N, C-alpha and C. Protein backbone atom coordinates (compact mmCIF):
# COMPACT_ATOMS: atom_id res chain seq x y z
N MET A 1 19.18 -0.80 9.85
CA MET A 1 18.70 -0.92 9.08
C MET A 1 18.68 0.46 8.51
N THR A 2 18.84 0.81 6.61
CA THR A 2 18.81 1.97 6.49
C THR A 2 16.93 2.21 6.06
N ASP A 3 16.45 2.70 5.83
CA ASP A 3 14.84 2.84 4.72
C ASP A 3 15.33 1.94 3.74
N GLN A 4 14.55 1.60 2.83
CA GLN A 4 14.18 1.40 1.85
C GLN A 4 13.20 1.12 1.36
N ARG A 5 12.92 1.46 -0.01
CA ARG A 5 11.43 0.42 -0.45
C ARG A 5 10.38 -0.18 -0.91
N TYR A 6 9.71 -0.63 -0.71
CA TYR A 6 9.35 -1.72 -0.57
C TYR A 6 7.74 -2.15 -1.49
N ALA A 7 6.95 -2.86 -1.38
CA ALA A 7 5.83 -3.54 -2.35
C ALA A 7 5.21 -4.35 -1.57
N ALA A 8 4.81 -4.39 -0.57
CA ALA A 8 3.35 -5.61 -0.59
C ALA A 8 2.61 -6.03 -1.16
N LEU A 9 2.57 -8.08 -1.39
CA LEU A 9 1.47 -7.71 -2.05
C LEU A 9 0.57 -9.38 -1.38
N LEU A 10 -0.18 -8.87 -1.78
CA LEU A 10 -1.33 -9.28 -0.43
C LEU A 10 -2.40 -10.83 -1.31
N ARG A 11 -1.95 -12.06 -0.83
CA ARG A 11 -2.55 -12.58 -1.39
C ARG A 11 -4.28 -12.98 -1.20
N GLY A 12 -4.74 -13.34 -2.40
CA GLY A 12 -5.97 -13.96 -2.41
C GLY A 12 -7.40 -12.81 -1.69
N ILE A 13 -6.68 -11.30 -1.70
CA ILE A 13 -8.05 -10.49 -1.47
C ILE A 13 -8.58 -9.73 -1.79
N ASN A 14 -10.16 -8.94 -1.62
CA ASN A 14 -10.36 -9.02 -2.48
C ASN A 14 -11.95 -9.33 -3.71
N LEU A 15 -11.53 -10.26 -3.69
CA LEU A 15 -12.31 -11.41 -4.43
C LEU A 15 -13.36 -11.68 -4.91
N GLY A 16 -14.39 -11.56 -5.32
CA GLY A 16 -15.99 -11.60 -4.70
C GLY A 16 -16.08 -10.89 -3.09
N ALA A 17 -16.60 -11.00 -2.22
CA ALA A 17 -17.04 -11.27 -1.59
C ALA A 17 -16.18 -11.63 0.10
N ARG A 18 -15.28 -12.12 -0.25
CA ARG A 18 -14.37 -13.23 0.24
C ARG A 18 -13.28 -12.73 0.19
N ASN A 19 -12.96 -12.52 2.13
CA ASN A 19 -11.64 -11.55 1.97
C ASN A 19 -11.33 -10.02 2.07
N ARG A 20 -12.04 -9.45 2.39
CA ARG A 20 -12.16 -7.92 2.10
C ARG A 20 -11.51 -6.95 2.95
N ILE A 21 -10.37 -6.39 2.27
CA ILE A 21 -9.64 -5.41 3.34
C ILE A 21 -9.95 -4.14 2.59
N ALA A 22 -9.80 -2.79 3.07
CA ALA A 22 -10.54 -1.68 2.29
C ALA A 22 -8.97 -0.98 1.97
N MET A 23 -9.08 -0.42 1.33
CA MET A 23 -7.24 0.06 1.01
C MET A 23 -6.94 0.76 2.26
N PRO A 24 -7.47 1.93 2.03
CA PRO A 24 -7.60 2.83 3.39
C PRO A 24 -7.65 1.67 4.97
N ASP A 25 -8.12 0.68 4.88
CA ASP A 25 -7.30 -0.26 6.11
C ASP A 25 -5.95 -0.79 5.85
N LEU A 26 -5.51 -1.32 4.34
CA LEU A 26 -4.83 -2.22 4.48
C LEU A 26 -3.16 -0.91 4.56
N GLN A 27 -3.62 0.61 4.19
CA GLN A 27 -2.44 1.46 4.12
C GLN A 27 -2.26 1.94 5.39
N ARG A 28 -3.01 1.87 6.44
CA ARG A 28 -3.41 1.45 7.86
C ARG A 28 -2.78 0.98 8.47
N ILE A 29 -2.77 -0.15 8.17
CA ILE A 29 -1.52 -1.43 9.26
C ILE A 29 -0.62 -1.22 8.36
N VAL A 30 -0.28 -1.85 7.07
CA VAL A 30 1.28 -0.94 6.79
C VAL A 30 1.79 -0.01 7.20
N ALA A 31 0.97 1.70 7.63
CA ALA A 31 1.69 1.96 8.50
C ALA A 31 2.02 1.89 9.78
N ALA A 32 1.25 0.91 10.25
CA ALA A 32 1.39 0.25 12.64
C ALA A 32 2.40 -0.14 12.03
N CYS A 33 3.58 -0.73 11.34
CA CYS A 33 4.01 -2.12 11.52
C CYS A 33 4.94 -1.71 10.61
N GLY A 34 5.19 -0.48 10.49
CA GLY A 34 6.79 0.69 10.03
C GLY A 34 6.86 1.51 8.90
N GLY A 35 5.87 1.32 8.37
CA GLY A 35 5.64 1.97 6.33
C GLY A 35 5.32 3.49 6.54
N THR A 36 6.07 3.73 6.03
CA THR A 36 5.36 5.01 5.69
C THR A 36 5.81 5.64 3.97
N GLU A 37 5.00 6.68 3.67
CA GLU A 37 4.08 7.37 2.60
C GLU A 37 4.25 6.34 1.96
N VAL A 38 2.98 5.54 2.54
CA VAL A 38 2.25 4.25 2.30
C VAL A 38 1.24 4.65 0.43
N GLN A 39 1.59 3.83 -0.60
CA GLN A 39 0.65 4.15 -1.15
C GLN A 39 -0.22 2.81 -1.39
N THR A 40 -1.77 1.83 -1.87
CA THR A 40 -1.54 1.43 -2.35
C THR A 40 -1.64 1.56 -4.11
N HIS A 41 -2.72 0.13 -4.34
CA HIS A 41 -2.37 0.51 -5.80
C HIS A 41 -3.41 -0.64 -6.54
N LEU A 42 -4.76 -0.22 -7.35
CA LEU A 42 -5.65 -0.93 -6.84
C LEU A 42 -6.52 -1.04 -6.45
N GLN A 43 -7.59 -2.29 -6.26
CA GLN A 43 -8.45 -3.58 -4.56
C GLN A 43 -7.41 -4.19 -4.58
N SER A 44 -6.81 -4.69 -5.55
CA SER A 44 -6.23 -6.17 -5.33
C SER A 44 -5.17 -6.56 -4.19
N GLY A 45 -5.24 -5.68 -3.07
CA GLY A 45 -3.78 -5.50 -2.27
C GLY A 45 -2.52 -5.04 -2.83
N ASN A 46 -2.26 -4.75 -2.77
CA ASN A 46 -0.86 -3.95 -3.79
C ASN A 46 -0.56 -2.25 -2.50
N ALA A 47 0.14 -2.52 -1.84
CA ALA A 47 0.82 -1.68 -1.55
C ALA A 47 2.33 -0.67 -1.47
N VAL A 48 3.25 0.02 -1.47
CA VAL A 48 4.61 0.68 -1.80
C VAL A 48 4.49 1.41 -0.44
N PHE A 49 5.29 1.51 -0.56
CA PHE A 49 5.90 2.02 1.33
C PHE A 49 6.76 1.90 1.54
N ARG A 50 8.08 2.80 2.06
CA ARG A 50 9.06 3.28 2.89
C ARG A 50 9.92 2.52 4.04
N ALA A 51 10.03 1.51 4.53
CA ALA A 51 10.45 1.09 6.27
C ALA A 51 12.41 0.63 6.00
N ALA A 52 12.69 0.89 7.55
CA ALA A 52 13.37 0.93 7.68
C ALA A 52 13.54 -0.65 8.92
N HIS A 53 12.54 -1.50 8.23
CA HIS A 53 12.34 -2.95 8.12
C HIS A 53 13.30 -3.64 7.99
N ASP A 54 13.52 -5.74 7.94
CA ASP A 54 14.04 -6.38 6.84
C ASP A 54 12.40 -6.93 5.96
N ALA A 55 12.33 -7.48 5.23
CA ALA A 55 11.19 -7.82 4.44
C ALA A 55 10.26 -8.59 5.36
N VAL A 56 11.46 -9.58 5.45
CA VAL A 56 10.80 -11.09 6.65
C VAL A 56 9.84 -10.84 7.27
N ASP A 57 10.28 -9.60 8.66
CA ASP A 57 10.21 -8.70 9.33
C ASP A 57 8.35 -8.00 9.38
N LEU A 58 9.05 -7.87 8.36
CA LEU A 58 7.58 -6.72 7.34
C LEU A 58 6.11 -8.07 6.98
N GLU A 59 6.80 -8.48 6.37
CA GLU A 59 5.78 -10.15 6.00
C GLU A 59 5.13 -9.85 6.88
N ARG A 60 5.69 -10.62 7.99
CA ARG A 60 5.22 -11.55 9.19
C ARG A 60 3.88 -9.97 9.67
N ASP A 61 4.60 -9.22 10.62
CA ASP A 61 3.90 -7.91 10.81
C ASP A 61 2.75 -7.83 10.40
N ILE A 62 2.70 -7.27 8.81
CA ILE A 62 1.65 -7.02 8.25
C ILE A 62 0.93 -8.33 7.96
N ALA A 63 1.02 -9.35 8.09
CA ALA A 63 -0.25 -10.62 7.66
C ALA A 63 -0.30 -10.59 10.07
N ALA A 64 0.09 -10.53 10.66
CA ALA A 64 -0.32 -10.87 12.16
C ALA A 64 -1.17 -9.49 12.11
N ARG A 65 -1.64 -8.73 12.01
CA ARG A 65 -1.85 -7.34 12.11
C ARG A 65 -3.25 -7.31 11.57
N ILE A 66 -2.96 -8.16 10.32
CA ILE A 66 -4.36 -8.09 9.23
C ILE A 66 -5.40 -8.90 10.31
N LYS A 67 -4.58 -10.07 10.92
CA LYS A 67 -5.54 -11.18 11.19
C LYS A 67 -5.89 -11.09 12.34
N ASP A 68 -4.76 -10.22 13.04
CA ASP A 68 -5.44 -9.39 14.50
C ASP A 68 -6.19 -9.01 14.71
N GLU A 69 -6.94 -7.61 13.18
CA GLU A 69 -7.64 -6.71 13.47
C GLU A 69 -9.17 -7.36 11.81
N SER A 70 -8.73 -8.23 11.23
CA SER A 70 -10.22 -8.66 10.33
C SER A 70 -10.31 -10.08 10.50
N GLY A 71 -9.78 -10.82 11.67
CA GLY A 71 -9.18 -12.22 12.04
C GLY A 71 -9.19 -13.59 9.94
N LEU A 72 -9.08 -12.26 8.98
CA LEU A 72 -8.52 -12.89 8.25
C LEU A 72 -6.63 -13.32 7.75
N ASP A 73 -6.60 -14.63 7.49
CA ASP A 73 -5.24 -15.34 6.65
C ASP A 73 -5.28 -14.80 6.06
N ILE A 74 -3.98 -14.16 5.94
CA ILE A 74 -4.00 -13.10 4.29
C ILE A 74 -2.32 -13.30 4.53
N PRO A 75 -1.29 -14.25 3.54
CA PRO A 75 -0.25 -14.27 3.39
C PRO A 75 0.02 -12.67 2.81
N VAL A 76 1.22 -12.19 3.04
CA VAL A 76 1.82 -10.80 2.61
C VAL A 76 3.13 -11.55 2.38
N LEU A 77 3.22 -11.16 0.43
CA LEU A 77 5.00 -11.13 0.29
C LEU A 77 5.55 -9.80 -0.60
N ILE A 78 6.87 -9.50 -0.05
CA ILE A 78 7.12 -8.11 0.11
C ILE A 78 8.85 -8.33 -1.12
N ARG A 79 8.61 -7.42 -1.76
CA ARG A 79 9.54 -6.83 -2.48
C ARG A 79 10.79 -6.04 -2.11
N SER A 80 11.65 -5.60 -2.84
CA SER A 80 12.19 -4.91 -2.18
C SER A 80 12.27 -4.02 -3.68
N ALA A 81 12.33 -2.68 -3.95
CA ALA A 81 12.05 -1.78 -4.95
C ALA A 81 13.24 -2.18 -5.87
N ASP A 82 14.51 -2.76 -6.05
CA ASP A 82 15.50 -3.36 -6.54
C ASP A 82 14.82 -4.25 -6.73
N GLU A 83 14.54 -5.44 -6.22
CA GLU A 83 13.75 -6.32 -6.83
C GLU A 83 12.84 -6.17 -7.62
N LEU A 84 11.71 -5.73 -7.21
CA LEU A 84 10.94 -5.91 -7.57
C LEU A 84 11.41 -4.53 -9.54
N ARG A 85 12.09 -3.89 -9.99
CA ARG A 85 12.63 -2.81 -11.08
C ARG A 85 13.45 -4.58 -12.02
N ALA A 86 14.21 -5.42 -11.65
CA ALA A 86 14.69 -6.47 -11.90
C ALA A 86 13.97 -7.40 -12.56
N ILE A 87 12.62 -8.23 -11.66
CA ILE A 87 11.53 -8.79 -11.76
C ILE A 87 11.02 -8.29 -13.18
N HIS A 88 10.99 -7.31 -13.34
CA HIS A 88 10.70 -6.78 -14.51
C HIS A 88 11.01 -6.40 -15.41
N ASP A 89 12.82 -6.48 -15.07
CA ASP A 89 13.48 -5.48 -16.45
C ASP A 89 13.73 -6.84 -17.12
N ASP A 90 13.77 -8.44 -15.84
CA ASP A 90 14.81 -9.51 -16.42
C ASP A 90 13.29 -10.49 -16.55
N CYS A 91 12.03 -10.13 -17.04
CA CYS A 91 11.11 -11.10 -18.00
C CYS A 91 11.85 -11.41 -19.05
N PRO A 92 11.75 -12.66 -19.49
CA PRO A 92 12.02 -13.26 -20.33
C PRO A 92 11.31 -13.57 -21.90
N PHE A 93 10.03 -12.91 -21.17
CA PHE A 93 8.72 -12.71 -22.69
C PHE A 93 8.17 -11.59 -22.80
N THR A 94 9.34 -10.32 -22.60
CA THR A 94 9.18 -8.69 -22.74
C THR A 94 9.27 -8.87 -24.51
N GLY A 95 9.26 -7.89 -25.22
CA GLY A 95 9.78 -7.05 -26.59
C GLY A 95 8.49 -7.04 -27.37
N LYS A 96 9.00 -6.37 -28.97
CA LYS A 96 7.98 -5.46 -29.81
C LYS A 96 6.75 -6.71 -29.53
N ALA A 97 6.97 -7.84 -30.07
CA ALA A 97 5.93 -8.65 -30.64
C ALA A 97 4.70 -9.38 -29.35
N VAL A 98 5.78 -9.13 -28.10
CA VAL A 98 4.93 -9.22 -26.59
C VAL A 98 4.06 -8.43 -26.43
N ASP A 99 2.06 -8.21 -26.51
CA ASP A 99 1.54 -7.86 -25.48
C ASP A 99 1.28 -7.97 -24.09
N PRO A 100 2.26 -6.60 -23.65
CA PRO A 100 1.64 -6.90 -22.33
C PRO A 100 0.87 -6.77 -21.07
N LYS A 101 -1.09 -7.50 -22.06
CA LYS A 101 -1.58 -7.64 -21.57
C LYS A 101 -1.67 -9.38 -21.40
N ARG A 102 -1.00 -10.12 -22.24
CA ARG A 102 -1.09 -11.88 -21.98
C ARG A 102 0.04 -11.77 -21.22
N LEU A 103 1.11 -11.35 -20.35
CA LEU A 103 2.20 -11.23 -19.75
C LEU A 103 1.43 -10.99 -18.71
N HIS A 104 1.93 -12.26 -16.93
CA HIS A 104 2.01 -11.80 -15.60
C HIS A 104 2.97 -13.03 -14.83
N VAL A 105 3.33 -11.97 -13.41
CA VAL A 105 3.84 -12.45 -12.72
C VAL A 105 4.03 -13.15 -11.45
N THR A 106 4.17 -14.94 -11.54
CA THR A 106 4.18 -15.52 -10.18
C THR A 106 4.52 -15.21 -8.88
N PHE A 107 4.23 -14.28 -8.06
CA PHE A 107 5.74 -13.86 -7.11
C PHE A 107 5.14 -15.12 -5.61
N CYS A 108 6.27 -15.64 -5.51
CA CYS A 108 6.30 -16.43 -3.91
C CYS A 108 7.36 -16.60 -2.70
N ASP A 109 6.62 -17.04 -2.31
CA ASP A 109 7.67 -16.77 -0.76
C ASP A 109 8.66 -17.33 -1.06
N ALA A 110 9.42 -18.26 -1.52
CA ALA A 110 10.68 -18.55 -1.18
C ALA A 110 10.70 -19.24 -2.57
N PRO A 111 12.03 -19.45 -2.72
CA PRO A 111 12.26 -19.75 -3.66
C PRO A 111 11.69 -20.85 -4.10
N PRO A 112 11.13 -21.50 -5.41
CA PRO A 112 11.00 -23.29 -5.62
C PRO A 112 12.42 -24.23 -5.18
N ASP A 113 12.30 -25.68 -4.77
CA ASP A 113 13.09 -26.52 -5.06
C ASP A 113 13.26 -27.02 -5.72
N PRO A 114 14.38 -26.78 -6.33
CA PRO A 114 15.66 -27.55 -7.47
C PRO A 114 14.58 -28.46 -8.41
N GLU A 115 14.99 -29.17 -7.42
CA GLU A 115 13.72 -31.51 -7.36
C GLU A 115 13.07 -30.90 -7.69
N LEU A 116 12.13 -29.62 -7.06
CA LEU A 116 10.33 -29.68 -7.51
C LEU A 116 10.53 -29.74 -8.49
N ILE A 117 11.65 -28.31 -8.89
CA ILE A 117 11.19 -27.92 -10.70
C ILE A 117 11.74 -28.88 -11.63
N ASP A 118 12.58 -29.20 -11.36
CA ASP A 118 13.64 -30.54 -12.39
C ASP A 118 12.61 -31.47 -12.58
N GLY A 119 11.50 -31.68 -11.96
CA GLY A 119 10.96 -32.80 -11.85
C GLY A 119 9.33 -32.68 -11.88
N LEU A 120 9.41 -31.48 -12.80
CA LEU A 120 8.22 -30.26 -13.43
C LEU A 120 6.96 -30.84 -13.74
N SER A 121 5.87 -30.81 -13.59
CA SER A 121 5.42 -31.78 -15.30
C SER A 121 3.75 -30.45 -14.83
N VAL A 122 3.90 -29.63 -16.19
CA VAL A 122 2.94 -28.94 -15.47
C VAL A 122 1.24 -29.73 -16.65
N PRO A 123 0.79 -29.15 -16.57
CA PRO A 123 -0.46 -29.08 -17.79
C PRO A 123 -0.91 -28.41 -18.98
N SER A 124 -1.04 -29.02 -19.93
CA SER A 124 -0.53 -29.25 -21.46
C SER A 124 -1.64 -27.73 -21.11
N SER A 125 -1.48 -26.21 -21.89
CA SER A 125 -2.25 -25.09 -22.02
C SER A 125 -1.39 -24.40 -23.34
N GLY A 126 -1.27 -25.75 -24.45
CA GLY A 126 -1.60 -25.02 -25.78
C GLY A 126 -0.23 -24.49 -25.80
N LYS A 127 -0.50 -22.27 -25.84
CA LYS A 127 0.39 -21.40 -26.51
C LYS A 127 1.26 -21.11 -25.51
N ASP A 128 0.89 -21.22 -24.12
CA ASP A 128 1.90 -20.23 -22.71
C ASP A 128 2.51 -21.01 -22.47
N ARG A 129 3.34 -20.27 -21.56
CA ARG A 129 4.76 -20.29 -21.90
C ARG A 129 5.38 -19.55 -20.28
N PHE A 130 6.46 -20.03 -19.59
CA PHE A 130 6.00 -19.81 -18.03
C PHE A 130 8.28 -20.19 -18.24
N ALA A 131 8.81 -19.37 -17.50
CA ALA A 131 9.82 -19.08 -16.48
C ALA A 131 10.33 -18.92 -15.48
N ILE A 132 10.62 -20.07 -14.44
CA ILE A 132 10.87 -20.12 -13.44
C ILE A 132 12.19 -19.23 -12.91
N LEU A 133 12.31 -17.58 -12.57
CA LEU A 133 14.02 -17.43 -12.23
C LEU A 133 13.54 -16.97 -11.09
N GLY A 134 14.52 -17.20 -9.79
CA GLY A 134 14.77 -16.79 -8.56
C GLY A 134 13.24 -17.67 -7.54
N ARG A 135 12.93 -16.17 -7.46
CA ARG A 135 11.34 -16.70 -6.57
C ARG A 135 10.00 -16.50 -6.94
N GLU A 136 9.91 -16.15 -8.57
CA GLU A 136 9.33 -16.18 -9.68
C GLU A 136 8.90 -16.53 -10.58
N VAL A 137 7.56 -17.03 -10.88
CA VAL A 137 7.67 -18.08 -12.34
C VAL A 137 7.17 -16.22 -12.70
N HIS A 138 7.66 -16.41 -14.76
CA HIS A 138 7.55 -15.28 -15.32
C HIS A 138 6.15 -16.01 -15.84
N LEU A 139 4.97 -15.50 -16.95
CA LEU A 139 3.90 -16.24 -17.70
C LEU A 139 3.45 -15.62 -18.76
N ASP A 140 3.80 -16.24 -20.15
CA ASP A 140 3.16 -15.31 -21.30
C ASP A 140 1.92 -16.14 -21.65
N CYS A 141 0.83 -15.75 -21.62
CA CYS A 141 -0.74 -16.61 -21.55
C CYS A 141 -1.45 -16.02 -22.70
N PRO A 142 -1.07 -16.36 -24.50
CA PRO A 142 -1.57 -15.47 -24.81
C PRO A 142 -3.29 -16.01 -25.52
N ASP A 143 -3.87 -16.96 -24.76
CA ASP A 143 -4.85 -16.55 -25.03
C ASP A 143 -5.92 -16.23 -23.95
N GLY A 144 -4.92 -15.08 -23.02
CA GLY A 144 -5.08 -14.78 -21.48
C GLY A 144 -5.13 -15.68 -20.01
N TYR A 145 -5.13 -14.62 -19.17
CA TYR A 145 -5.16 -15.91 -17.81
C TYR A 145 -6.38 -16.61 -17.19
N GLY A 146 -6.88 -16.12 -17.27
CA GLY A 146 -8.20 -16.80 -17.36
C GLY A 146 -8.48 -18.33 -17.97
N ARG A 147 -7.76 -18.39 -19.05
CA ARG A 147 -7.86 -19.54 -19.82
C ARG A 147 -6.58 -20.72 -19.69
N THR A 148 -5.77 -20.15 -19.17
CA THR A 148 -4.37 -20.92 -18.74
C THR A 148 -4.79 -21.86 -17.06
N LYS A 149 -3.86 -23.24 -17.49
CA LYS A 149 -4.03 -24.39 -16.33
C LYS A 149 -3.03 -23.32 -15.55
N LEU A 150 -2.07 -22.65 -15.69
CA LEU A 150 -0.98 -22.36 -14.95
C LEU A 150 -1.64 -20.60 -14.43
N GLN A 151 -1.69 -21.28 -13.80
CA GLN A 151 -2.37 -20.13 -12.14
C GLN A 151 -1.61 -20.65 -11.03
N ASN A 152 -2.56 -19.88 -10.32
CA ASN A 152 -1.59 -19.34 -9.23
C ASN A 152 -2.08 -20.85 -8.19
N ALA A 153 -2.71 -21.11 -7.90
CA ALA A 153 -3.55 -22.75 -7.08
C ALA A 153 -2.26 -23.31 -7.74
N MET A 154 -1.61 -23.67 -8.65
CA MET A 154 -1.44 -25.10 -9.25
C MET A 154 0.29 -24.73 -9.07
N TRP A 155 0.72 -23.75 -9.07
CA TRP A 155 2.20 -23.65 -8.74
C TRP A 155 2.40 -24.26 -7.36
N GLU A 156 1.65 -23.20 -5.87
CA GLU A 156 1.20 -23.83 -5.63
C GLU A 156 1.52 -25.25 -4.83
N ARG A 157 0.43 -25.73 -5.47
CA ARG A 157 0.43 -26.81 -5.20
C ARG A 157 2.13 -27.72 -6.09
N LYS A 158 2.39 -27.52 -7.61
CA LYS A 158 3.13 -27.96 -7.67
C LYS A 158 4.50 -28.00 -7.42
N LEU A 159 5.07 -26.72 -6.48
CA LEU A 159 5.76 -25.75 -5.81
C LEU A 159 5.98 -26.04 -4.58
N GLY A 160 4.28 -25.96 -3.46
CA GLY A 160 4.98 -26.00 -2.51
C GLY A 160 4.99 -24.68 -2.51
N VAL A 161 5.23 -23.73 -2.43
CA VAL A 161 5.39 -21.91 -1.90
C VAL A 161 3.71 -21.64 -1.89
N VAL A 162 3.50 -20.79 -0.98
CA VAL A 162 2.93 -19.71 -1.12
C VAL A 162 2.72 -18.74 -2.26
N ALA A 163 2.04 -18.94 -3.31
CA ALA A 163 2.26 -17.86 -4.49
C ALA A 163 1.18 -16.30 -4.27
N THR A 164 1.41 -15.46 -5.38
CA THR A 164 0.08 -14.58 -5.30
C THR A 164 0.40 -14.12 -6.95
N THR A 165 -0.02 -13.92 -7.60
CA THR A 165 0.39 -13.43 -9.45
C THR A 165 -0.37 -11.77 -9.81
N ARG A 166 0.23 -11.26 -10.47
CA ARG A 166 -0.33 -10.29 -10.89
C ARG A 166 0.26 -9.87 -12.56
N ASN A 167 -0.31 -9.12 -13.28
CA ASN A 167 -1.02 -8.80 -14.63
C ASN A 167 0.69 -8.48 -14.58
N TRP A 168 0.85 -8.08 -15.85
CA TRP A 168 2.16 -6.66 -16.63
C TRP A 168 2.17 -6.11 -16.02
N ASN A 169 0.97 -4.84 -16.25
CA ASN A 169 0.63 -3.61 -15.87
C ASN A 169 0.49 -3.62 -14.51
N THR A 170 0.08 -4.47 -13.78
CA THR A 170 -0.07 -4.07 -11.78
C THR A 170 1.63 -3.93 -11.66
N VAL A 171 2.54 -5.83 -12.04
CA VAL A 171 4.18 -5.15 -11.97
C VAL A 171 4.38 -3.77 -12.92
N THR A 172 4.63 -3.56 -13.01
CA THR A 172 4.71 -1.88 -14.35
C THR A 172 4.32 -0.43 -13.35
N ALA A 173 2.78 -1.16 -13.03
CA ALA A 173 2.92 0.53 -12.12
C ALA A 173 3.38 0.55 -10.59
N LEU A 174 3.59 -0.90 -10.54
CA LEU A 174 4.18 -0.91 -9.19
C LEU A 174 6.07 -0.30 -8.80
N CYS A 175 6.28 -0.76 -9.55
CA CYS A 175 7.61 -0.31 -10.40
C CYS A 175 7.30 1.26 -10.51
N GLU A 176 6.77 1.76 -10.86
CA GLU A 176 6.58 3.17 -10.65
C GLU A 176 6.33 4.45 -10.20
N LEU A 177 5.93 3.59 -9.02
CA LEU A 177 5.26 3.67 -7.96
C LEU A 177 6.43 3.91 -6.79
N LEU A 178 7.61 2.90 -6.94
CA LEU A 178 8.25 2.46 -6.35
C LEU A 178 9.68 3.41 -7.20
N ASP A 179 9.96 4.49 -7.87
CA ASP A 179 10.49 4.76 -8.67
C ASP A 179 10.89 6.17 -8.24
N VAL A 180 9.76 6.66 -7.79
CA VAL A 180 9.57 7.54 -7.05
C VAL A 180 10.11 8.57 -6.03
């Protein structure tokens, strides 16, 4: 396999006092799993890097190394640069009339089962909208993510997936880091 650029998205780290991972440690862990040119973004478990490994292997290896070194069971979701760019470019809610501060993407570890999507019943959340495209749930939360009922845990429960959510600014920043 040839070198590819990837983004690693860790679920549920550095939220308050739990699941603490320093970004230099995350960089070292990704490098130990075969990543090169590793950069982190913010303190919430985002890393971009280059590797000659398959995304599934990288997810498994990074998660296993985190568990071995820290005892933390942290899901790791990987997207290639091309996948992340398509997620960004295909967002159904972007446009001049939409404030990017209200947009989020929930990244899932697998495409949701179509039967679960067809039977999906989500809590009424006023003006909030969502669209499931592939492995991602695109969210438009006009009153903010903190006020929506369409949060990460709900998607995991309703769709039977492991998921992690990023705001639009983070998705855009990761795309920019991957475009280097």
